[in-house]
Amino acid sequence: MIQENITTPVSKNKGYILVIDDEDNIRSLFANYHEKLGYQVDMAKDGSEAKNLIDQNIYDIALLDVGLPDCNGLDLLKELKEIHPPCLGV
């Protein structure tokens, strides 16, 4: 019997995360940390930017600030869950 050396490519991308926070340093901190762990991360500074990204992408997890300048983060989370029910909000 001949045994072939078969390797399966492993994707470095573990999932898609949306970080929503109006503070640049917090947004960047969360994004950089999760990118180093192998996640693809998009960032939004407010609810309006987040909604545009949500309309264009499917996220596994959303890390969001409750007090956004243009909306309540909990209301935004409800909208996100309606569009993409499997998405977890933290």
N, C-alpha and C. Protein backbone atom coordinates (compact mmCIF):
# COMPACT_ATOMS: atom_id res chain seq x y z
N MET A 1 0.84 -1.16 0.00
CA MET A 1 0.00 0.00 0.00
C MET A 1 0.89 1.24 0.00
N ILE A 2 0.57 2.18 -0.88
CA ILE A 2 1.33 3.42 -0.97
C ILE A 2 0.61 4.48 -0.15
N GLN A 3 1.35 5.09 0.74
CA GLN A 3 0.76 6.14 1.56
C GLN A 3 1.19 7.49 1.00
N GLU A 4 0.22 8.31 0.70
CA GLU A 4 0.52 9.63 0.17
C GLU A 4 0.60 10.63 1.30
N ASN A 5 1.46 11.59 1.12
CA ASN A 5 1.58 12.66 2.09
C ASN A 5 0.61 13.76 1.69
N ILE A 6 -0.55 13.75 2.32
CA ILE A 6 -1.59 14.72 1.99
C ILE A 6 -1.70 15.71 3.14
N THR A 7 -1.62 16.96 2.81
CA THR A 7 -1.80 17.99 3.83
C THR A 7 -3.01 18.83 3.47
N THR A 8 -3.75 19.15 4.47
CA THR A 8 -4.92 19.99 4.28
C THR A 8 -4.56 21.40 4.69
N PRO A 9 -4.77 22.37 3.81
CA PRO A 9 -4.45 23.74 4.19
C PRO A 9 -5.32 24.19 5.36
N VAL A 10 -4.71 24.83 6.30
CA VAL A 10 -5.43 25.33 7.46
C VAL A 10 -5.61 26.83 7.30
N SER A 11 -6.83 27.25 7.41
CA SER A 11 -7.13 28.67 7.28
C SER A 11 -6.67 29.40 8.54
N LYS A 12 -5.99 30.51 8.34
CA LYS A 12 -5.56 31.32 9.48
C LYS A 12 -6.73 32.11 10.06
N ASN A 13 -7.77 32.28 9.27
CA ASN A 13 -8.91 33.07 9.71
C ASN A 13 -9.84 32.22 10.57
N LYS A 14 -9.97 32.59 11.84
CA LYS A 14 -10.81 31.85 12.76
C LYS A 14 -12.26 32.34 12.75
N GLY A 15 -12.51 33.50 12.20
CA GLY A 15 -13.85 34.05 12.19
C GLY A 15 -13.80 35.54 11.94
N TYR A 16 -14.99 36.14 11.92
CA TYR A 16 -15.11 37.56 11.60
C TYR A 16 -15.69 38.32 12.79
N ILE A 17 -14.99 39.36 13.20
CA ILE A 17 -15.38 40.15 14.36
C ILE A 17 -15.58 41.60 13.94
N LEU A 18 -16.63 42.21 14.49
CA LEU A 18 -16.87 43.64 14.29
C LEU A 18 -16.68 44.32 15.64
N VAL A 19 -15.76 45.26 15.71
CA VAL A 19 -15.50 46.03 16.92
C VAL A 19 -16.12 47.41 16.73
N ILE A 20 -17.04 47.77 17.62
CA ILE A 20 -17.74 49.05 17.52
C ILE A 20 -17.49 49.83 18.81
N ASP A 21 -16.73 50.91 18.70
CA ASP A 21 -16.45 51.76 19.85
C ASP A 21 -16.05 53.13 19.36
N ASP A 22 -16.49 54.16 20.06
CA ASP A 22 -16.18 55.52 19.63
C ASP A 22 -14.79 55.97 20.08
N GLU A 23 -14.12 55.21 20.91
CA GLU A 23 -12.76 55.56 21.34
C GLU A 23 -11.75 54.81 20.49
N ASP A 24 -10.92 55.57 19.78
CA ASP A 24 -9.94 54.99 18.85
C ASP A 24 -9.02 53.96 19.52
N ASN A 25 -8.52 54.29 20.71
CA ASN A 25 -7.57 53.39 21.37
C ASN A 25 -8.20 52.07 21.78
N ILE A 26 -9.43 52.09 22.23
CA ILE A 26 -10.11 50.85 22.62
C ILE A 26 -10.40 50.02 21.38
N ARG A 27 -10.90 50.68 20.34
CA ARG A 27 -11.21 49.98 19.08
C ARG A 27 -9.96 49.30 18.53
N SER A 28 -8.86 50.02 18.50
CA SER A 28 -7.60 49.48 17.98
C SER A 28 -7.05 48.37 18.86
N LEU A 29 -7.16 48.52 20.17
CA LEU A 29 -6.67 47.50 21.10
C LEU A 29 -7.38 46.17 20.87
N PHE A 30 -8.71 46.20 20.83
CA PHE A 30 -9.48 44.97 20.59
C PHE A 30 -9.18 44.38 19.21
N ALA A 31 -9.10 45.24 18.20
CA ALA A 31 -8.85 44.76 16.84
C ALA A 31 -7.47 44.11 16.73
N ASN A 32 -6.44 44.78 17.22
CA ASN A 32 -5.09 44.23 17.13
C ASN A 32 -4.96 42.90 17.88
N TYR A 33 -5.54 42.83 19.06
CA TYR A 33 -5.48 41.60 19.86
C TYR A 33 -6.11 40.43 19.11
N HIS A 34 -7.30 40.64 18.57
CA HIS A 34 -8.01 39.55 17.89
C HIS A 34 -7.40 39.20 16.54
N GLU A 35 -6.84 40.18 15.85
CA GLU A 35 -6.15 39.88 14.59
C GLU A 35 -4.94 38.99 14.84
N LYS A 36 -4.21 39.23 15.93
CA LYS A 36 -3.06 38.40 16.26
C LYS A 36 -3.47 36.96 16.58
N LEU A 37 -4.70 36.79 17.03
CA LEU A 37 -5.23 35.45 17.31
C LEU A 37 -5.78 34.77 16.07
N GLY A 38 -5.78 35.47 14.94
CA GLY A 38 -6.21 34.86 13.68
C GLY A 38 -7.60 35.23 13.20
N TYR A 39 -8.21 36.21 13.83
CA TYR A 39 -9.54 36.64 13.40
C TYR A 39 -9.43 37.78 12.41
N GLN A 40 -10.42 37.87 11.53
CA GLN A 40 -10.51 39.03 10.64
C GLN A 40 -11.39 40.04 11.36
N VAL A 41 -10.91 41.27 11.46
CA VAL A 41 -11.60 42.28 12.26
C VAL A 41 -11.90 43.52 11.43
N ASP A 42 -13.15 43.98 11.53
CA ASP A 42 -13.54 45.27 10.98
C ASP A 42 -13.86 46.17 12.17
N MET A 43 -13.72 47.48 11.98
CA MET A 43 -13.96 48.42 13.06
C MET A 43 -14.92 49.50 12.62
N ALA A 44 -15.72 49.96 13.58
CA ALA A 44 -16.64 51.07 13.35
C ALA A 44 -16.58 51.99 14.56
N LYS A 45 -16.65 53.30 14.29
CA LYS A 45 -16.56 54.27 15.39
C LYS A 45 -17.92 54.71 15.92
N ASP A 46 -18.99 54.33 15.21
CA ASP A 46 -20.34 54.70 15.66
C ASP A 46 -21.36 53.75 15.03
N GLY A 47 -22.61 53.95 15.40
CA GLY A 47 -23.67 53.08 14.91
C GLY A 47 -23.87 53.14 13.41
N SER A 48 -23.72 54.33 12.85
CA SER A 48 -23.90 54.50 11.41
C SER A 48 -22.87 53.70 10.62
N GLU A 49 -21.60 53.82 11.03
CA GLU A 49 -20.54 53.04 10.37
C GLU A 49 -20.77 51.54 10.56
N ALA A 50 -21.19 51.16 11.75
CA ALA A 50 -21.44 49.74 12.03
C ALA A 50 -22.55 49.19 11.15
N LYS A 51 -23.63 49.96 10.99
CA LYS A 51 -24.75 49.50 10.16
C LYS A 51 -24.31 49.30 8.71
N ASN A 52 -23.47 50.19 8.20
CA ASN A 52 -22.96 50.02 6.83
C ASN A 52 -22.16 48.73 6.71
N LEU A 53 -21.32 48.44 7.69
CA LEU A 53 -20.53 47.21 7.66
C LEU A 53 -21.41 45.98 7.81
N ILE A 54 -22.42 46.07 8.68
CA ILE A 54 -23.33 44.94 8.91
C ILE A 54 -24.11 44.63 7.64
N ASP A 55 -24.46 45.65 6.86
CA ASP A 55 -25.18 45.44 5.61
C ASP A 55 -24.31 44.75 4.56
N GLN A 56 -22.99 44.89 4.67
CA GLN A 56 -22.08 44.36 3.66
C GLN A 56 -21.40 43.05 4.06
N ASN A 57 -21.43 42.70 5.35
CA ASN A 57 -20.67 41.55 5.83
C ASN A 57 -21.47 40.74 6.84
N ILE A 58 -21.02 39.52 7.07
CA ILE A 58 -21.61 38.66 8.09
C ILE A 58 -20.54 38.46 9.16
N TYR A 59 -20.89 38.78 10.41
CA TYR A 59 -19.94 38.67 11.51
C TYR A 59 -20.34 37.55 12.46
N ASP A 60 -19.32 36.92 13.03
CA ASP A 60 -19.55 35.88 14.03
C ASP A 60 -19.76 36.50 15.41
N ILE A 61 -19.03 37.58 15.66
CA ILE A 61 -19.07 38.25 16.96
C ILE A 61 -19.02 39.76 16.76
N ALA A 62 -19.78 40.48 17.57
CA ALA A 62 -19.69 41.94 17.60
C ALA A 62 -19.29 42.35 19.02
N LEU A 63 -18.20 43.08 19.13
CA LEU A 63 -17.78 43.65 20.41
C LEU A 63 -18.18 45.12 20.35
N LEU A 64 -19.14 45.52 21.19
CA LEU A 64 -19.64 46.87 21.03
C LEU A 64 -19.79 47.62 22.34
N ASP A 65 -19.61 48.91 22.23
CA ASP A 65 -19.78 49.84 23.32
C ASP A 65 -21.28 50.13 23.45
N VAL A 66 -21.77 50.19 24.67
CA VAL A 66 -23.18 50.48 24.88
C VAL A 66 -23.47 51.96 24.61
N GLY A 67 -22.54 52.83 24.96
CA GLY A 67 -22.74 54.27 24.79
C GLY A 67 -22.06 54.81 23.56
N LEU A 68 -22.69 54.65 22.42
CA LEU A 68 -22.15 55.19 21.17
C LEU A 68 -22.70 56.60 20.96
N PRO A 69 -21.98 57.45 20.23
CA PRO A 69 -22.41 58.84 20.09
C PRO A 69 -23.73 59.02 19.33
N ASP A 70 -24.06 58.11 18.43
CA ASP A 70 -25.26 58.30 17.62
C ASP A 70 -26.36 57.26 17.85
N CYS A 71 -26.13 56.31 18.76
CA CYS A 71 -27.17 55.33 19.07
C CYS A 71 -26.81 54.57 20.35
N ASN A 72 -27.78 53.84 20.85
CA ASN A 72 -27.57 52.99 22.01
C ASN A 72 -27.03 51.65 21.51
N GLY A 73 -25.94 51.19 22.08
CA GLY A 73 -25.32 49.94 21.64
C GLY A 73 -26.23 48.73 21.78
N LEU A 74 -27.09 48.73 22.78
CA LEU A 74 -28.02 47.60 22.95
C LEU A 74 -29.06 47.57 21.84
N ASP A 75 -29.51 48.74 21.40
CA ASP A 75 -30.45 48.80 20.27
C ASP A 75 -29.76 48.32 18.99
N LEU A 76 -28.51 48.72 18.83
CA LEU A 76 -27.74 48.29 17.66
C LEU A 76 -27.55 46.77 17.68
N LEU A 77 -27.32 46.21 18.86
CA LEU A 77 -27.17 44.76 18.98
C LEU A 77 -28.46 44.05 18.58
N LYS A 78 -29.60 44.58 18.96
CA LYS A 78 -30.89 43.99 18.56
C LYS A 78 -31.03 43.98 17.04
N GLU A 79 -30.65 45.10 16.41
CA GLU A 79 -30.71 45.18 14.94
C GLU A 79 -29.79 44.14 14.30
N LEU A 80 -28.59 44.04 14.84
CA LEU A 80 -27.61 43.08 14.32
C LEU A 80 -28.15 41.65 14.45
N LYS A 81 -28.75 41.34 15.58
CA LYS A 81 -29.29 39.98 15.80
C LYS A 81 -30.46 39.69 14.86
N GLU A 82 -31.22 40.71 14.49
CA GLU A 82 -32.32 40.51 13.55
C GLU A 82 -31.80 40.21 12.16
N ILE A 83 -30.70 40.87 11.78
CA ILE A 83 -30.13 40.67 10.46
C ILE A 83 -29.34 39.37 10.40
N HIS A 84 -28.54 39.10 11.43
CA HIS A 84 -27.66 37.92 11.48
C HIS A 84 -27.86 37.22 12.83
N PRO A 85 -28.93 36.43 12.99
CA PRO A 85 -29.22 35.80 14.27
C PRO A 85 -28.07 35.01 14.93
N PRO A 86 -27.19 34.35 14.16
CA PRO A 86 -26.13 33.59 14.83
C PRO A 86 -25.03 34.46 15.46
N CYS A 87 -25.00 35.74 15.14
CA CYS A 87 -23.95 36.62 15.63
C CYS A 87 -24.07 36.80 17.14
N LEU A 88 -22.94 36.67 17.83
CA LEU A 88 -22.91 36.91 19.27
C LEU A 88 -22.54 38.35 19.53
N GLY A 89 -23.18 38.96 20.48
CA GLY A 89 -22.86 40.33 20.86
C GLY A 89 -22.26 40.36 22.24
N VAL A 90 -21.16 41.08 22.37
CA VAL A 90 -20.47 41.17 23.66
C VAL A 90 -20.27 42.63 24.00
